[in-house]
Amino acid sequence: MSIPGAFYITFLLRDIRTPSWRPWILRKQQFSLPRVPLLQAAGKKNSFNLLGLTEAELKEQFVRGDGPGGQATNKTNNCVVLKHIPSGIVVKCHQTRSVEQNRKIAREILQEKVDLFYKGEDSDVFKEKKASEKKKREKKRKAKENLERKKHFKEMQQLDTK
């Protein structure tokens, strides 16, 4: 078998393993996870339904962070870059000055992204994101209704004074 033929077969095998929901998730550009883990931000400390990560699947690097901070940022390698080798998902975390805290936060974010990658719509992360979006829409709708009520009330007052 020729070298190009071997590459073609591996390409076909890779397409067979691709879950059917994955292209749908990849098309949704607006669906991105925040820098702070979503389940932690929602008040849940641990979710047992997330897929576990093993250290053998991870590649970890420490690099210089970017952004404001001047000399403290430019001289220290406390930004953590984690890559999940099987899925190819990469997370970069530089939220604190501590390497250990950045490692912990990066693992939490990576765990949520991997869970979303493999489980799709069945993931707790996906459900939590959808619930927060629904809550935000509802809050916006109520604010709009309240504004309309106030406008109507002012118009009624002006008509009464004339």
N, C-alpha and C. Protein backbone atom coordinates (compact mmCIF):
# COMPACT_ATOMS: atom_id res chain seq x y z
N MET A 1 0.85 -1.18 0.00
CA MET A 1 0.00 0.00 0.00
C MET A 1 0.89 1.23 0.00
N SER A 2 0.51 2.22 -0.76
CA SER A 2 1.32 3.43 -0.86
C SER A 2 1.07 4.34 0.35
N ILE A 3 1.97 5.28 0.53
CA ILE A 3 1.86 6.24 1.63
C ILE A 3 0.58 7.08 1.51
N PRO A 4 0.27 7.66 0.33
CA PRO A 4 -0.97 8.42 0.23
C PRO A 4 -2.22 7.56 0.51
N GLY A 5 -2.18 6.28 0.13
CA GLY A 5 -3.30 5.40 0.40
C GLY A 5 -3.50 5.19 1.89
N ALA A 6 -2.41 5.09 2.64
CA ALA A 6 -2.51 4.93 4.09
C ALA A 6 -3.12 6.17 4.73
N PHE A 7 -2.72 7.35 4.25
CA PHE A 7 -3.31 8.58 4.78
C PHE A 7 -4.80 8.65 4.47
N TYR A 8 -5.19 8.19 3.30
CA TYR A 8 -6.59 8.23 2.91
C TYR A 8 -7.43 7.32 3.82
N ILE A 9 -6.89 6.13 4.12
CA ILE A 9 -7.61 5.19 4.99
C ILE A 9 -7.74 5.77 6.40
N THR A 10 -6.68 6.37 6.92
CA THR A 10 -6.78 6.97 8.26
C THR A 10 -7.76 8.12 8.26
N PHE A 11 -7.83 8.86 7.16
CA PHE A 11 -8.80 9.95 7.05
C PHE A 11 -10.23 9.40 7.09
N LEU A 12 -10.47 8.29 6.38
CA LEU A 12 -11.79 7.67 6.40
C LEU A 12 -12.15 7.14 7.77
N LEU A 13 -11.19 6.51 8.45
CA LEU A 13 -11.44 5.98 9.79
C LEU A 13 -11.75 7.11 10.77
N ARG A 14 -11.08 8.23 10.62
CA ARG A 14 -11.34 9.37 11.50
C ARG A 14 -12.76 9.88 11.30
N ASP A 15 -13.25 9.90 10.05
CA ASP A 15 -14.60 10.36 9.78
C ASP A 15 -15.64 9.40 10.34
N ILE A 16 -15.33 8.12 10.39
CA ILE A 16 -16.28 7.14 10.93
C ILE A 16 -16.46 7.35 12.42
N ARG A 17 -15.38 7.69 13.13
CA ARG A 17 -15.46 7.86 14.58
C ARG A 17 -16.09 9.18 14.98
N THR A 18 -16.22 10.14 14.08
CA THR A 18 -16.75 11.45 14.42
C THR A 18 -18.23 11.33 14.78
N PRO A 19 -18.61 11.79 15.99
CA PRO A 19 -20.02 11.73 16.38
C PRO A 19 -20.87 12.62 15.47
N SER A 20 -22.14 12.26 15.33
CA SER A 20 -23.02 12.98 14.41
C SER A 20 -23.34 14.38 14.90
N TRP A 21 -23.28 14.64 16.22
CA TRP A 21 -23.63 15.96 16.74
C TRP A 21 -22.46 16.93 16.69
N ARG A 22 -21.26 16.44 16.50
CA ARG A 22 -20.08 17.30 16.56
C ARG A 22 -20.09 18.43 15.54
N PRO A 23 -20.45 18.18 14.28
CA PRO A 23 -20.50 19.31 13.34
C PRO A 23 -21.49 20.38 13.78
N TRP A 24 -22.60 19.96 14.41
CA TRP A 24 -23.57 20.93 14.90
C TRP A 24 -22.96 21.81 15.98
N ILE A 25 -22.22 21.22 16.90
CA ILE A 25 -21.57 21.98 17.97
C ILE A 25 -20.53 22.93 17.38
N LEU A 26 -19.76 22.45 16.41
CA LEU A 26 -18.71 23.28 15.84
C LEU A 26 -19.28 24.45 15.04
N ARG A 27 -20.50 24.29 14.48
CA ARG A 27 -21.13 25.40 13.75
C ARG A 27 -21.60 26.48 14.69
N LYS A 28 -21.92 26.14 15.92
CA LYS A 28 -22.45 27.11 16.88
C LYS A 28 -21.29 27.94 17.44
N GLN A 29 -20.91 29.00 16.73
CA GLN A 29 -19.79 29.82 17.14
C GLN A 29 -20.11 30.63 18.40
N GLN A 30 -21.39 31.01 18.60
CA GLN A 30 -21.73 31.83 19.74
C GLN A 30 -21.72 31.02 21.03
N PHE A 31 -21.67 29.69 20.94
CA PHE A 31 -21.68 28.86 22.13
C PHE A 31 -20.25 28.60 22.56
N SER A 32 -19.73 29.47 23.41
CA SER A 32 -18.39 29.27 23.92
C SER A 32 -18.43 29.34 25.43
N LEU A 33 -17.55 28.61 26.05
CA LEU A 33 -17.52 28.59 27.51
C LEU A 33 -16.76 29.79 28.04
N PRO A 34 -17.19 30.31 29.17
CA PRO A 34 -16.47 31.44 29.76
C PRO A 34 -15.13 31.00 30.32
N ARG A 35 -14.29 31.97 30.66
CA ARG A 35 -12.98 31.65 31.19
C ARG A 35 -13.08 31.02 32.58
N VAL A 36 -14.10 31.40 33.35
CA VAL A 36 -14.34 30.77 34.65
C VAL A 36 -15.22 29.56 34.40
N PRO A 37 -14.93 28.43 35.02
CA PRO A 37 -15.76 27.25 34.79
C PRO A 37 -17.23 27.55 35.05
N LEU A 38 -18.09 27.13 34.13
CA LEU A 38 -19.51 27.46 34.17
C LEU A 38 -20.19 26.85 35.39
N LEU A 39 -19.93 25.59 35.66
CA LEU A 39 -20.60 24.93 36.78
C LEU A 39 -20.14 25.51 38.11
N GLN A 40 -18.91 25.98 38.18
CA GLN A 40 -18.42 26.61 39.40
C GLN A 40 -19.06 27.98 39.56
N ALA A 41 -19.21 28.72 38.46
CA ALA A 41 -19.80 30.04 38.51
C ALA A 41 -21.28 29.97 38.89
N ALA A 42 -21.92 28.88 38.56
CA ALA A 42 -23.35 28.74 38.85
C ALA A 42 -23.59 28.32 40.30
N GLY A 43 -22.54 28.13 41.07
CA GLY A 43 -22.71 27.78 42.47
C GLY A 43 -22.55 26.29 42.74
N LYS A 44 -22.35 25.48 41.72
CA LYS A 44 -22.15 24.05 41.92
C LYS A 44 -20.65 23.81 42.05
N LYS A 45 -20.25 23.21 43.14
CA LYS A 45 -18.83 22.98 43.35
C LYS A 45 -18.32 21.81 42.50
N ASN A 46 -19.00 20.69 42.56
CA ASN A 46 -18.57 19.52 41.79
C ASN A 46 -19.77 18.92 41.09
N SER A 47 -19.58 18.51 39.87
CA SER A 47 -20.62 17.79 39.16
C SER A 47 -20.08 16.42 38.83
N PHE A 48 -20.76 15.40 39.30
CA PHE A 48 -20.26 14.05 39.12
C PHE A 48 -20.54 13.50 37.73
N ASN A 49 -21.31 14.21 36.92
CA ASN A 49 -21.65 13.73 35.59
C ASN A 49 -20.63 14.12 34.54
N LEU A 50 -19.60 14.88 34.89
CA LEU A 50 -18.59 15.28 33.92
C LEU A 50 -17.66 14.10 33.65
N LEU A 51 -17.18 14.05 32.42
CA LEU A 51 -16.21 13.00 32.07
C LEU A 51 -14.90 13.26 32.79
N GLY A 52 -14.27 12.21 33.23
CA GLY A 52 -13.00 12.33 33.93
C GLY A 52 -11.83 12.47 32.97
N LEU A 53 -10.79 13.15 33.43
CA LEU A 53 -9.57 13.30 32.65
C LEU A 53 -8.45 12.57 33.36
N THR A 54 -7.60 11.91 32.59
CA THR A 54 -6.42 11.29 33.17
C THR A 54 -5.21 12.11 32.76
N GLU A 55 -4.20 12.10 33.60
CA GLU A 55 -3.00 12.88 33.32
C GLU A 55 -2.28 12.40 32.06
N ALA A 56 -2.47 11.14 31.70
CA ALA A 56 -1.83 10.61 30.49
C ALA A 56 -2.41 11.24 29.23
N GLU A 57 -3.67 11.70 29.30
CA GLU A 57 -4.32 12.31 28.14
C GLU A 57 -3.98 13.79 27.99
N LEU A 58 -3.30 14.37 28.98
CA LEU A 58 -3.06 15.81 28.99
C LEU A 58 -1.61 16.14 28.67
N LYS A 59 -1.44 17.25 27.97
CA LYS A 59 -0.11 17.80 27.74
C LYS A 59 -0.14 19.21 28.35
N GLU A 60 0.78 19.47 29.25
CA GLU A 60 0.76 20.73 30.00
C GLU A 60 2.01 21.54 29.71
N GLN A 61 1.82 22.85 29.49
CA GLN A 61 2.94 23.76 29.28
C GLN A 61 2.74 24.99 30.15
N PHE A 62 3.84 25.60 30.52
CA PHE A 62 3.79 26.87 31.24
C PHE A 62 4.44 27.92 30.36
N VAL A 63 3.69 28.95 30.05
CA VAL A 63 4.17 30.00 29.16
C VAL A 63 3.95 31.36 29.82
N ARG A 64 4.52 32.38 29.20
CA ARG A 64 4.29 33.73 29.69
C ARG A 64 2.89 34.17 29.30
N GLY A 65 2.22 34.79 30.24
CA GLY A 65 0.87 35.27 29.97
C GLY A 65 0.89 36.55 29.16
N ASP A 66 -0.31 37.00 28.78
CA ASP A 66 -0.42 38.25 28.05
C ASP A 66 -1.41 39.15 28.76
N GLY A 67 -1.48 40.37 28.32
CA GLY A 67 -2.41 41.33 28.92
C GLY A 67 -1.72 42.27 29.87
N PRO A 68 -2.51 43.02 30.65
CA PRO A 68 -1.92 44.00 31.56
C PRO A 68 -1.16 43.33 32.70
N GLY A 69 -0.26 44.05 33.30
CA GLY A 69 0.49 43.51 34.41
C GLY A 69 1.95 43.89 34.37
N GLY A 70 2.43 44.35 33.22
CA GLY A 70 3.80 44.83 33.11
C GLY A 70 4.84 43.77 33.39
N GLN A 71 5.79 44.14 34.24
CA GLN A 71 6.93 43.27 34.53
C GLN A 71 6.50 41.96 35.17
N ALA A 72 5.48 42.00 36.01
CA ALA A 72 5.02 40.77 36.67
C ALA A 72 4.52 39.76 35.64
N THR A 73 3.93 40.22 34.57
CA THR A 73 3.44 39.33 33.53
C THR A 73 4.55 38.91 32.58
N ASN A 74 5.43 39.84 32.26
CA ASN A 74 6.45 39.59 31.24
C ASN A 74 7.60 38.71 31.72
N LYS A 75 7.79 38.58 33.02
CA LYS A 75 8.94 37.83 33.51
C LYS A 75 8.60 36.45 34.07
N THR A 76 7.32 36.17 34.30
CA THR A 76 6.97 34.90 34.92
C THR A 76 6.20 34.01 33.96
N ASN A 77 6.45 32.71 34.06
CA ASN A 77 5.75 31.73 33.24
C ASN A 77 4.65 31.07 34.06
N ASN A 78 3.62 31.85 34.40
CA ASN A 78 2.55 31.28 35.22
C ASN A 78 1.25 31.09 34.44
N CYS A 79 1.29 31.21 33.14
CA CYS A 79 0.13 30.92 32.30
C CYS A 79 0.18 29.44 31.94
N VAL A 80 -0.92 28.74 32.14
CA VAL A 80 -0.97 27.30 31.91
C VAL A 80 -1.70 27.02 30.59
N VAL A 81 -1.07 26.20 29.74
CA VAL A 81 -1.70 25.76 28.50
C VAL A 81 -1.87 24.26 28.59
N LEU A 82 -3.13 23.81 28.58
CA LEU A 82 -3.45 22.39 28.68
C LEU A 82 -4.04 21.92 27.36
N LYS A 83 -3.59 20.77 26.90
CA LYS A 83 -4.14 20.18 25.67
C LYS A 83 -4.61 18.78 25.98
N HIS A 84 -5.86 18.50 25.60
CA HIS A 84 -6.40 17.14 25.71
C HIS A 84 -6.06 16.44 24.40
N ILE A 85 -5.15 15.51 24.45
CA ILE A 85 -4.59 14.90 23.25
C ILE A 85 -5.63 14.15 22.41
N PRO A 86 -6.52 13.32 22.99
CA PRO A 86 -7.47 12.60 22.14
C PRO A 86 -8.43 13.51 21.35
N SER A 87 -8.90 14.60 21.96
CA SER A 87 -9.85 15.46 21.26
C SER A 87 -9.20 16.66 20.61
N GLY A 88 -7.99 17.02 21.03
CA GLY A 88 -7.30 18.17 20.45
C GLY A 88 -7.74 19.50 21.04
N ILE A 89 -8.50 19.50 22.13
CA ILE A 89 -8.98 20.73 22.76
C ILE A 89 -7.85 21.35 23.57
N VAL A 90 -7.66 22.67 23.38
CA VAL A 90 -6.60 23.39 24.08
C VAL A 90 -7.23 24.48 24.94
N VAL A 91 -6.74 24.60 26.18
CA VAL A 91 -7.21 25.62 27.12
C VAL A 91 -6.00 26.40 27.61
N LYS A 92 -6.14 27.73 27.62
CA LYS A 92 -5.08 28.59 28.13
C LYS A 92 -5.65 29.35 29.31
N CYS A 93 -4.99 29.29 30.46
CA CYS A 93 -5.51 29.91 31.67
C CYS A 93 -4.45 30.79 32.32
N HIS A 94 -4.76 32.06 32.49
CA HIS A 94 -3.88 33.02 33.16
C HIS A 94 -4.75 33.97 33.98
N GLN A 95 -5.56 33.39 34.87
CA GLN A 95 -6.49 34.20 35.65
C GLN A 95 -5.89 34.71 36.94
N THR A 96 -4.91 33.99 37.49
CA THR A 96 -4.29 34.40 38.75
C THR A 96 -2.78 34.44 38.57
N ARG A 97 -2.10 34.90 39.61
CA ARG A 97 -0.64 34.93 39.56
C ARG A 97 -0.05 33.59 39.98
N SER A 98 -0.85 32.74 40.59
CA SER A 98 -0.38 31.45 41.09
C SER A 98 -0.47 30.39 40.00
N VAL A 99 0.62 29.67 39.81
CA VAL A 99 0.65 28.59 38.82
C VAL A 99 -0.29 27.47 39.25
N GLU A 100 -0.30 27.14 40.52
CA GLU A 100 -1.14 26.04 41.01
C GLU A 100 -2.62 26.34 40.82
N GLN A 101 -3.03 27.57 41.11
CA GLN A 101 -4.44 27.93 40.91
C GLN A 101 -4.80 27.92 39.43
N ASN A 102 -3.88 28.41 38.59
CA ASN A 102 -4.12 28.39 37.15
C ASN A 102 -4.23 26.96 36.63
N ARG A 103 -3.42 26.06 37.16
CA ARG A 103 -3.49 24.65 36.76
C ARG A 103 -4.85 24.06 37.11
N LYS A 104 -5.31 24.36 38.32
CA LYS A 104 -6.60 23.84 38.78
C LYS A 104 -7.74 24.39 37.93
N ILE A 105 -7.75 25.69 37.68
CA ILE A 105 -8.81 26.32 36.88
C ILE A 105 -8.77 25.80 35.45
N ALA A 106 -7.58 25.65 34.89
CA ALA A 106 -7.45 25.15 33.52
C ALA A 106 -8.01 23.73 33.39
N ARG A 107 -7.76 22.89 34.39
CA ARG A 107 -8.29 21.53 34.35
C ARG A 107 -9.81 21.52 34.43
N GLU A 108 -10.38 22.40 35.25
CA GLU A 108 -11.84 22.47 35.36
C GLU A 108 -12.46 22.92 34.03
N ILE A 109 -11.87 23.93 33.42
CA ILE A 109 -12.38 24.43 32.14
C ILE A 109 -12.24 23.35 31.07
N LEU A 110 -11.08 22.69 31.04
CA LEU A 110 -10.84 21.64 30.05
C LEU A 110 -11.81 20.48 30.25
N GLN A 111 -12.08 20.12 31.50
CA GLN A 111 -13.00 19.03 31.78
C GLN A 111 -14.40 19.36 31.25
N GLU A 112 -14.84 20.60 31.42
CA GLU A 112 -16.15 21.01 30.92
C GLU A 112 -16.18 21.01 29.39
N LYS A 113 -15.10 21.48 28.77
CA LYS A 113 -15.06 21.51 27.30
C LYS A 113 -15.03 20.09 26.72
N VAL A 114 -14.29 19.20 27.33
CA VAL A 114 -14.22 17.82 26.86
C VAL A 114 -15.58 17.15 27.04
N ASP A 115 -16.22 17.42 28.17
CA ASP A 115 -17.56 16.87 28.42
C ASP A 115 -18.54 17.35 27.35
N LEU A 116 -18.48 18.62 27.04
CA LEU A 116 -19.35 19.19 26.00
C LEU A 116 -19.02 18.60 24.64
N PHE A 117 -17.75 18.38 24.37
CA PHE A 117 -17.31 17.82 23.08
C PHE A 117 -17.85 16.41 22.88
N TYR A 118 -17.77 15.57 23.91
CA TYR A 118 -18.18 14.18 23.76
C TYR A 118 -19.68 13.95 23.98
N LYS A 119 -20.29 14.66 24.92
CA LYS A 119 -21.70 14.42 25.23
C LYS A 119 -22.65 15.31 24.44
N GLY A 120 -22.19 16.46 24.00
CA GLY A 120 -23.05 17.36 23.22
C GLY A 120 -24.20 17.92 24.03
N GLU A 121 -25.43 17.74 23.54
CA GLU A 121 -26.61 18.30 24.19
C GLU A 121 -26.94 17.61 25.51
N ASP A 122 -26.41 16.43 25.75
CA ASP A 122 -26.68 15.71 27.00
C ASP A 122 -25.76 16.17 28.13
N SER A 123 -24.83 17.03 27.85
CA SER A 123 -23.86 17.48 28.83
C SER A 123 -24.49 18.44 29.85
N ASP A 124 -24.05 18.35 31.10
CA ASP A 124 -24.50 19.29 32.14
C ASP A 124 -24.11 20.71 31.79
N VAL A 125 -22.95 20.87 31.18
CA VAL A 125 -22.47 22.20 30.80
C VAL A 125 -23.42 22.83 29.78
N PHE A 126 -23.83 22.03 28.80
CA PHE A 126 -24.75 22.53 27.77
C PHE A 126 -26.08 22.92 28.39
N LYS A 127 -26.60 22.08 29.28
CA LYS A 127 -27.88 22.37 29.93
C LYS A 127 -27.79 23.62 30.79
N GLU A 128 -26.69 23.77 31.51
CA GLU A 128 -26.50 24.95 32.37
C GLU A 128 -26.41 26.22 31.53
N LYS A 129 -25.71 26.14 30.42
CA LYS A 129 -25.58 27.30 29.53
C LYS A 129 -26.93 27.69 28.96
N LYS A 130 -27.71 26.70 28.51
CA LYS A 130 -29.04 26.97 27.97
C LYS A 130 -29.95 27.57 29.03
N ALA A 131 -29.86 27.07 30.27
CA ALA A 131 -30.71 27.59 31.35
C ALA A 131 -30.35 29.04 31.65
N SER A 132 -29.06 29.37 31.65
CA SER A 132 -28.65 30.75 31.94
C SER A 132 -29.07 31.68 30.80
N GLU A 133 -29.01 31.18 29.55
CA GLU A 133 -29.47 32.00 28.41
C GLU A 133 -30.97 32.26 28.51
N LYS A 134 -31.73 31.24 28.91
CA LYS A 134 -33.18 31.39 29.04
C LYS A 134 -33.50 32.39 30.15
N LYS A 135 -32.78 32.31 31.25
CA LYS A 135 -33.00 33.24 32.36
C LYS A 135 -32.68 34.67 31.94
N LYS A 136 -31.63 34.83 31.17
CA LYS A 136 -31.25 36.15 30.68
C LYS A 136 -32.31 36.72 29.73
N ARG A 137 -32.83 35.89 28.83
CA ARG A 137 -33.89 36.32 27.92
C ARG A 137 -35.14 36.74 28.68
N GLU A 138 -35.49 35.95 29.71
CA GLU A 138 -36.68 36.25 30.50
C GLU A 138 -36.52 37.58 31.25
N LYS A 139 -35.33 37.80 31.79
CA LYS A 139 -35.05 39.05 32.49
C LYS A 139 -35.15 40.25 31.53
N LYS A 140 -34.63 40.07 30.34
CA LYS A 140 -34.69 41.13 29.33
C LYS A 140 -36.13 41.42 28.92
N ARG A 141 -36.92 40.36 28.76
CA ARG A 141 -38.32 40.52 28.38
C ARG A 141 -39.10 41.26 29.46
N LYS A 142 -38.86 40.91 30.73
CA LYS A 142 -39.54 41.59 31.84
C LYS A 142 -39.16 43.06 31.90
N ALA A 143 -37.89 43.37 31.68
CA ALA A 143 -37.44 44.76 31.70
C ALA A 143 -38.11 45.55 30.58
N LYS A 144 -38.24 44.95 29.42
CA LYS A 144 -38.90 45.61 28.29
C LYS A 144 -40.37 45.86 28.59
N GLU A 145 -41.06 44.88 29.16
CA GLU A 145 -42.46 45.05 29.54
C GLU A 145 -42.62 46.16 30.56
N ASN A 146 -41.73 46.20 31.53
CA ASN A 146 -41.78 47.23 32.57
C ASN A 146 -41.59 48.61 31.96
N LEU A 147 -40.68 48.74 31.01
CA LEU A 147 -40.45 50.01 30.34
C LEU A 147 -41.69 50.45 29.57
N GLU A 148 -42.33 49.51 28.90
CA GLU A 148 -43.56 49.82 28.17
C GLU A 148 -44.66 50.28 29.12
N ARG A 149 -44.77 49.63 30.28
CA ARG A 149 -45.76 50.01 31.28
C ARG A 149 -45.53 51.44 31.77
N LYS A 150 -44.27 51.76 32.03
CA LYS A 150 -43.93 53.11 32.50
C LYS A 150 -44.26 54.15 31.44
N LYS A 151 -43.96 53.84 30.18
CA LYS A 151 -44.26 54.74 29.08
C LYS A 151 -45.77 54.99 28.98
N HIS A 152 -46.50 53.93 29.07
CA HIS A 152 -47.96 54.03 28.99
C HIS A 152 -48.52 54.84 30.16
N PHE A 153 -47.95 54.63 31.35
CA PHE A 153 -48.39 55.37 32.54
C PHE A 153 -48.12 56.87 32.38
N LYS A 154 -46.95 57.24 31.86
CA LYS A 154 -46.63 58.65 31.63
C LYS A 154 -47.58 59.28 30.62
N GLU A 155 -47.89 58.54 29.55
CA GLU A 155 -48.84 59.05 28.56
C GLU A 155 -50.21 59.28 29.18
N MET A 156 -50.66 58.38 30.03
CA MET A 156 -51.96 58.53 30.70
C MET A 156 -51.96 59.75 31.63
N GLN A 157 -50.83 59.97 32.30
CA GLN A 157 -50.73 61.14 33.20
C GLN A 157 -50.79 62.43 32.40
N GLN A 158 -50.11 62.46 31.26
CA GLN A 158 -50.13 63.67 30.43
C GLN A 158 -51.52 63.94 29.88
N LEU A 159 -52.26 62.91 29.52
CA LEU A 159 -53.62 63.08 29.03
C LEU A 159 -54.55 63.58 30.14
N ASP A 160 -54.30 63.13 31.37
CA ASP A 160 -55.14 63.57 32.49
C ASP A 160 -54.91 65.03 32.85
N THR A 161 -53.67 65.51 32.71
CA THR A 161 -53.36 66.90 33.06
C THR A 161 -53.88 67.89 32.02
N LYS A 162 -54.13 67.46 30.83
CA LYS A 162 -54.61 68.38 29.77
C LYS A 162 -56.05 68.65 29.85
